[in-house]
Amino acid sequence: MDSVAVIQQIAPEAVAGSTGTAVRTDAETASAVEKDGLKVAVPTDAADGITLAAGGAPALTIGLPFGDKASDATESQVPGVVVYDNHNGSSTVPVIRDSGVQINTVIDNANAPKRYAYPMDLAGGQSLQLNPDGSVIAAGADGTLSAFVAAPWAKDAKGNPVPTHYEVEGDTLVQVIDFTEATAFPVVTDPQFEWYMAIPTVKTTRAETRELMGLGGGPSGPGGAAKACGALLKVAGPAGIAAAGLCAINIVSIMYNATNAYNSGQCARLLIGPGVIGTIPYKDSYCR
C-alpha cells in the first residue's frame, strides 16, 4: 500500500506543505530542515527518533511507534516525506512543519495495533500534561513550555472520524485509535508536535481570557490587545518591548484562540519567546 497516496486521498492537508528536504545530508538522516534557527531531523533508522534542536535550548527527541521493528525510511513521491513500514499493518509518515513535525500513521486493517507510543526525551523538570480538550503539553513547574501536541484526530477511508484519544504514560505520549472490524480501512491519524524550546508562558484566568477575546474594549481597543501585550511585559521585562510588536501583529490569532479556549470552558496560556507569541488552551485550578 502506498501510504502517502492514502494520506493524500483521505487527509491531503496532512502531507501538503512539507518543509523537509529529500536531500540526505548523511547516512543517518532521511530528511531534514533548518529554518529560523530550528533544525528538525528525520532519521533513516526509525529507532533513532526525530530530533528538534535550536541554539542553546535542550534538544527534543520524539521516538517513533514500533521504531525497533520498522524498516528504514523510504522516500515517497512528496519531496522531504519518508515512510517507515512498521510490519504490523501500519506505517509511519513524518512531515516536517515550520514549528515542529506532524507524524502521520496509516493503518491498513483491523489486525493492526490500536496503540501508538511516542516516547519523548524531555528536558529536566519538564513533564507531559493532558489537557481537557485532548491536547498535550510538555511543561515545567516554572511555567516554561517545550512542546504542544494538538488534540488528536483520525479518519477512515471515507473521510469519517474514527474515535481516538491520547494517554500519558510518564514521558511517553500514546495515541489510541478505537477502530473496529466495521471501520472502513485504511485509517489515517496523526499527532502534530509543535516545539517551543522551553519558552516562558503566562497563564490567564477566565476573566483575563475573556479580556484576550477583545471583550474588554473591542478588537482594536485597550481590552484584548493591551491585556495580551501587558502579559508579555510581565514575564519578558525589557525584552517585552520587542515581544509587544509581535503581539500587535498576532493579536487576531491570540483573540481567536482565546475565544476557542473560553468557549470550551478553558483558559488561555500565553507563549512568549524569541520570535514567538501565541496562545494555547489549558485547564487547572488557576483557570477560574
Protein backbone atom coordinates (compact mmCIF):
# COMPACT_ATOMS: atom_id res chain seq x y z
CA MET A 1 0.00 0.00 0.00
CA ASP A 2 1.27 3.48 -0.92
CA SER A 3 0.93 5.22 2.46
CA VAL A 4 1.49 8.75 1.16
CA ALA A 5 -1.11 8.26 -1.59
CA VAL A 6 -3.56 7.08 1.08
CA ILE A 7 -2.96 10.23 3.13
CA GLN A 8 -3.34 12.40 0.03
CA GLN A 9 -6.69 10.77 -0.63
CA ILE A 10 -8.12 10.83 2.92
CA ALA A 11 -6.44 13.85 4.54
CA PRO A 12 -4.44 15.75 1.89
CA GLU A 13 -3.68 18.62 4.27
CA ALA A 14 -1.62 16.20 6.38
CA VAL A 15 1.14 15.96 3.76
CA ALA A 16 0.70 19.29 1.99
CA GLY A 17 3.27 22.00 2.60
CA SER A 18 6.09 19.86 3.97
CA THR A 19 9.18 21.97 4.65
CA GLY A 20 11.53 18.98 4.68
CA THR A 21 14.12 18.23 2.04
CA ALA A 22 14.70 14.91 0.34
CA VAL A 23 18.45 15.53 0.31
CA ARG A 24 20.23 13.17 2.72
CA THR A 25 22.99 15.11 4.45
CA ASP A 26 24.41 11.89 5.93
CA ALA A 27 23.60 8.19 6.16
CA GLU A 28 21.69 8.66 9.44
CA THR A 29 19.36 11.42 8.21
CA ALA A 30 16.49 10.72 5.78
CA SER A 31 15.03 14.25 5.72
CA ALA A 32 15.87 17.49 7.48
CA VAL A 33 15.26 21.21 7.51
CA GLU A 34 16.87 24.15 9.27
CA LYS A 35 14.83 27.34 9.27
CA ASP A 36 14.80 30.38 11.55
CA GLY A 37 17.19 28.62 13.92
CA LEU A 38 15.06 25.47 14.24
CA LYS A 39 16.52 22.21 12.94
CA VAL A 40 14.32 19.14 12.50
CA ALA A 41 15.95 15.85 11.52
CA VAL A 42 14.02 12.73 10.50
CA PRO A 43 16.26 9.64 10.79
CA THR A 44 16.97 6.84 8.36
CA ASP A 45 16.60 4.32 11.21
CA ALA A 46 13.19 4.75 12.89
CA ALA A 47 14.68 3.61 16.21
CA ASP A 48 16.72 6.84 16.40
CA GLY A 49 13.65 9.07 16.70
CA ILE A 50 13.02 12.55 15.32
CA THR A 51 15.17 15.36 16.72
CA LEU A 52 14.25 19.03 17.09
CA ALA A 53 17.02 21.44 18.08
CA ALA A 54 17.69 25.17 18.15
CA GLY A 55 20.51 27.29 19.53
CA GLY A 56 21.37 26.53 23.14
CA ALA A 57 17.94 25.12 24.01
CA PRO A 58 17.81 21.45 25.04
CA ALA A 59 17.02 19.29 22.01
CA LEU A 60 13.79 17.31 21.94
CA THR A 61 13.79 13.74 20.63
CA ILE A 62 10.49 12.07 19.75
CA GLY A 63 10.56 8.29 19.46
CA LEU A 64 8.52 6.63 16.73
CA PRO A 65 5.96 3.84 17.23
CA PHE A 66 7.48 0.39 16.70
CA GLY A 67 10.74 2.05 15.75
CA ASP A 68 12.75 -1.03 16.72
CA LYS A 69 10.78 -3.18 14.26
CA ALA A 70 10.18 -0.72 11.42
CA SER A 71 12.03 -0.69 8.13
CA ASP A 72 14.45 2.10 7.30
CA ALA A 73 12.94 5.25 5.81
CA THR A 74 11.99 5.10 2.16
CA GLU A 75 11.45 8.18 0.04
CA SER A 76 7.98 8.99 -1.27
CA GLN A 77 6.56 10.95 -4.17
CA VAL A 78 6.41 14.04 -1.93
CA PRO A 79 9.84 15.67 -1.52
CA GLY A 80 11.06 15.51 2.06
CA VAL A 81 8.40 13.00 3.17
CA VAL A 82 9.56 9.48 4.02
CA VAL A 83 7.75 6.31 5.09
CA TYR A 84 8.54 3.66 7.70
CA ASP A 85 6.82 0.27 7.31
CA ASN A 86 6.10 -0.99 10.84
CA HIS A 87 5.49 -4.56 9.61
CA ASN A 88 2.28 -4.86 11.61
CA GLY A 89 -0.38 -3.41 9.33
CA SER A 90 0.66 0.19 9.94
CA SER A 91 3.19 2.68 8.64
CA THR A 92 4.60 5.95 9.97
CA VAL A 93 4.87 9.05 7.76
CA PRO A 94 6.54 12.12 9.39
CA VAL A 95 6.01 15.53 7.79
CA ILE A 96 8.27 18.41 8.83
CA ARG A 97 6.46 21.68 9.62
CA ASP A 98 7.74 25.22 10.30
CA SER A 99 7.34 24.85 14.07
CA GLY A 100 7.78 21.11 14.51
CA VAL A 101 6.70 17.83 12.98
CA GLN A 102 3.46 16.07 12.11
CA ILE A 103 3.73 12.28 12.45
CA ASN A 104 1.06 10.56 10.37
CA THR A 105 0.12 6.93 10.85
CA VAL A 106 -1.60 4.86 8.16
CA ILE A 107 -3.48 1.82 9.50
CA ASP A 108 -4.16 -0.80 6.84
CA ASN A 109 -6.61 -3.16 8.53
CA ALA A 110 -8.29 -4.24 11.78
CA ASN A 111 -5.36 -6.51 12.69
CA ALA A 112 -3.05 -3.53 13.19
CA PRO A 113 -2.30 -2.21 16.71
CA LYS A 114 -4.65 0.33 18.29
CA ARG A 115 -1.97 1.96 20.49
CA TYR A 116 0.91 4.05 19.10
CA ALA A 117 3.57 5.23 21.56
CA TYR A 118 5.80 8.32 21.18
CA PRO A 119 8.47 8.34 23.93
CA MET A 120 9.87 11.84 24.40
CA ASP A 121 13.29 12.81 25.70
CA LEU A 122 12.20 15.83 27.73
CA ALA A 123 14.43 18.45 29.34
CA GLY A 124 14.92 18.27 33.10
CA GLY A 125 11.87 19.37 35.06
CA GLN A 126 9.52 19.01 32.08
CA SER A 127 6.60 16.57 32.10
CA LEU A 128 3.69 15.67 29.83
CA GLN A 129 0.30 17.02 30.84
CA LEU A 130 -3.02 16.01 29.27
CA ASN A 131 -5.46 18.89 28.73
CA PRO A 132 -9.26 18.61 28.96
CA ASP A 133 -9.61 19.27 25.22
CA GLY A 134 -7.44 16.22 24.42
CA SER A 135 -4.27 18.14 23.61
CA VAL A 136 -1.00 17.58 25.48
CA ILE A 137 1.79 19.89 26.61
CA ALA A 138 5.34 19.29 27.83
CA ALA A 139 5.82 21.89 30.54
CA GLY A 140 7.84 22.61 33.67
CA ALA A 141 6.73 23.65 37.14
CA ASP A 142 8.41 27.02 36.47
CA GLY A 143 5.89 27.75 33.71
CA THR A 144 8.17 27.04 30.74
CA LEU A 145 6.74 25.13 27.81
CA SER A 146 8.75 22.94 25.42
CA ALA A 147 6.09 21.23 23.31
CA PHE A 148 2.42 21.34 22.41
CA VAL A 149 0.57 18.44 20.77
CA ALA A 150 -2.79 19.35 19.27
CA ALA A 151 -5.85 17.23 20.08
CA PRO A 152 -5.76 14.01 18.03
CA TRP A 153 -7.85 13.12 15.02
CA ALA A 154 -8.36 10.04 12.86
CA LYS A 155 -10.24 9.50 9.61
CA ASP A 156 -11.35 6.34 7.84
CA ALA A 157 -11.21 5.63 4.11
CA LYS A 158 -14.49 7.52 3.62
CA GLY A 159 -13.24 10.60 5.47
CA ASN A 160 -15.39 9.88 8.53
CA PRO A 161 -13.94 10.47 12.01
CA VAL A 162 -12.67 7.47 13.98
CA PRO A 163 -12.68 7.75 17.81
CA THR A 164 -9.21 8.50 19.14
CA HIS A 165 -7.57 9.96 22.23
CA TYR A 166 -4.21 10.47 23.92
CA GLU A 167 -2.93 8.84 27.08
CA VAL A 168 0.17 9.91 29.00
CA GLU A 169 2.48 7.27 30.46
CA GLY A 170 5.39 9.09 32.10
CA ASP A 171 7.35 10.76 29.29
CA THR A 172 5.53 8.75 26.63
CA LEU A 173 2.56 10.04 24.64
CA VAL A 174 0.26 7.23 23.48
CA GLN A 175 -2.38 7.68 20.80
CA VAL A 176 -5.23 5.18 20.97
CA ILE A 177 -7.37 4.66 17.86
CA ASP A 178 -10.63 2.85 18.57
CA PHE A 179 -11.32 1.31 15.18
CA THR A 180 -13.37 -1.86 14.76
CA GLU A 181 -13.71 -4.56 12.11
CA ALA A 182 -16.56 -2.47 10.66
CA THR A 183 -14.26 0.55 10.13
CA ALA A 184 -13.58 1.47 6.51
CA PHE A 185 -9.83 0.98 6.07
CA PRO A 186 -7.27 2.38 5.64
CA VAL A 187 -7.35 4.83 8.55
CA VAL A 188 -5.16 7.94 8.77
CA THR A 189 -4.26 9.60 12.07
CA ASP A 190 -1.55 11.91 13.38
CA PRO A 191 -0.12 13.72 16.38
CA GLN A 192 1.25 17.15 15.49
CA PHE A 193 4.14 18.24 17.71
CA GLU A 194 4.96 21.95 18.00
CA TRP A 195 8.25 22.75 19.73
CA TYR A 196 8.72 25.90 21.81
CA MET A 197 12.28 25.44 23.17
CA ALA A 198 11.24 25.76 26.84
CA ILE A 199 9.94 29.32 26.39
CA PRO A 200 8.20 31.22 29.21
CA THR A 201 4.42 31.09 29.44
CA VAL A 202 1.78 33.07 31.30
CA LYS A 203 -1.47 31.51 32.48
CA THR A 204 -4.55 33.70 32.40
CA THR A 205 -7.73 33.38 34.46
CA ARG A 206 -11.18 33.06 32.93
CA ALA A 207 -11.68 36.81 33.28
CA GLU A 208 -8.31 37.54 31.66
CA THR A 209 -9.05 35.07 28.87
CA ARG A 210 -12.25 36.99 28.25
CA GLU A 211 -10.17 40.17 28.03
CA LEU A 212 -7.95 38.48 25.43
CA MET A 213 -11.05 37.85 23.37
CA GLY A 214 -11.31 41.63 22.95
CA LEU A 215 -14.48 41.88 25.02
CA GLY A 216 -12.92 44.41 27.37
CA GLY A 217 -12.62 47.10 24.74
CA GLY A 218 -13.24 45.72 21.29
CA PRO A 219 -10.82 44.03 18.90
CA SER A 220 -8.75 47.18 18.38
CA GLY A 221 -9.36 48.73 21.78
CA PRO A 222 -7.48 48.55 25.08
CA GLY A 223 -9.19 45.34 26.27
CA GLY A 224 -7.81 42.42 24.30
CA ALA A 225 -4.63 43.89 22.83
CA ALA A 226 -3.45 45.66 25.96
CA LYS A 227 -4.11 42.63 28.14
CA ALA A 228 -2.10 40.32 25.86
CA CYS A 229 0.82 42.67 25.42
CA GLY A 230 0.81 43.63 29.09
CA ALA A 231 1.21 39.95 29.95
CA LEU A 232 4.32 39.87 27.77
CA LEU A 233 5.93 42.64 29.78
CA LYS A 234 5.10 40.71 32.94
CA VAL A 235 7.48 37.86 32.03
CA ALA A 236 9.82 39.30 29.42
CA GLY A 237 10.93 42.54 31.11
CA PRO A 238 12.90 44.76 28.69
CA ALA A 239 12.57 42.09 26.00
CA GLY A 240 8.84 42.68 26.17
CA ILE A 241 9.25 45.78 24.03
CA ALA A 242 10.16 43.58 21.04
CA ALA A 243 7.58 40.99 22.06
CA ALA A 244 4.91 43.66 22.17
CA GLY A 245 5.45 44.23 18.46
CA LEU A 246 4.86 40.55 17.81
CA CYS A 247 1.76 40.73 19.97
CA ALA A 248 0.33 43.55 17.87
CA ILE A 249 0.99 41.55 14.70
CA ASN A 250 -0.62 38.39 16.09
CA ILE A 251 -3.45 39.88 18.13
CA VAL A 252 -6.17 38.48 15.81
CA SER A 253 -4.79 34.96 16.25
CA ILE A 254 -4.45 35.46 20.02
CA MET A 255 -8.06 36.64 20.29
CA TYR A 256 -9.33 33.76 18.12
CA ASN A 257 -7.53 31.12 20.22
CA ALA A 258 -8.61 32.78 23.47
CA THR A 259 -12.22 32.68 22.27
CA ASN A 260 -11.98 28.95 21.49
CA ALA A 261 -10.44 28.29 24.91
CA TYR A 262 -13.07 30.34 26.75
CA ASN A 263 -15.99 28.79 24.90
CA SER A 264 -14.73 25.28 25.72
CA GLY A 265 -14.53 26.07 29.44
CA GLN A 266 -10.75 26.55 29.44
CA CYS A 267 -8.34 29.47 29.74
CA ALA A 268 -5.62 30.91 27.51
CA ARG A 269 -1.93 30.26 28.15
CA LEU A 270 0.33 32.84 26.51
CA LEU A 271 3.59 31.69 24.95
CA ILE A 272 6.37 34.27 24.89
CA GLY A 273 9.79 33.63 23.40
CA PRO A 274 12.31 34.84 20.80
CA GLY A 275 10.24 35.49 17.68
CA VAL A 276 7.26 33.72 19.23
CA ILE A 277 3.97 34.93 20.68
CA GLY A 278 0.98 32.64 20.74
CA THR A 279 -1.82 31.12 22.77
CA ILE A 280 -2.80 27.57 23.70
CA PRO A 281 -5.66 26.37 25.93
CA TYR A 282 -5.20 24.97 29.44
CA LYS A 283 -7.31 23.98 32.44
CA ASP A 284 -6.25 23.71 36.09
CA SER A 285 -7.08 25.31 39.45
CA TYR A 286 -5.74 28.70 38.28
CA CYS A 287 -8.27 28.75 35.44
CA ARG A 288 -11.26 30.07 37.33
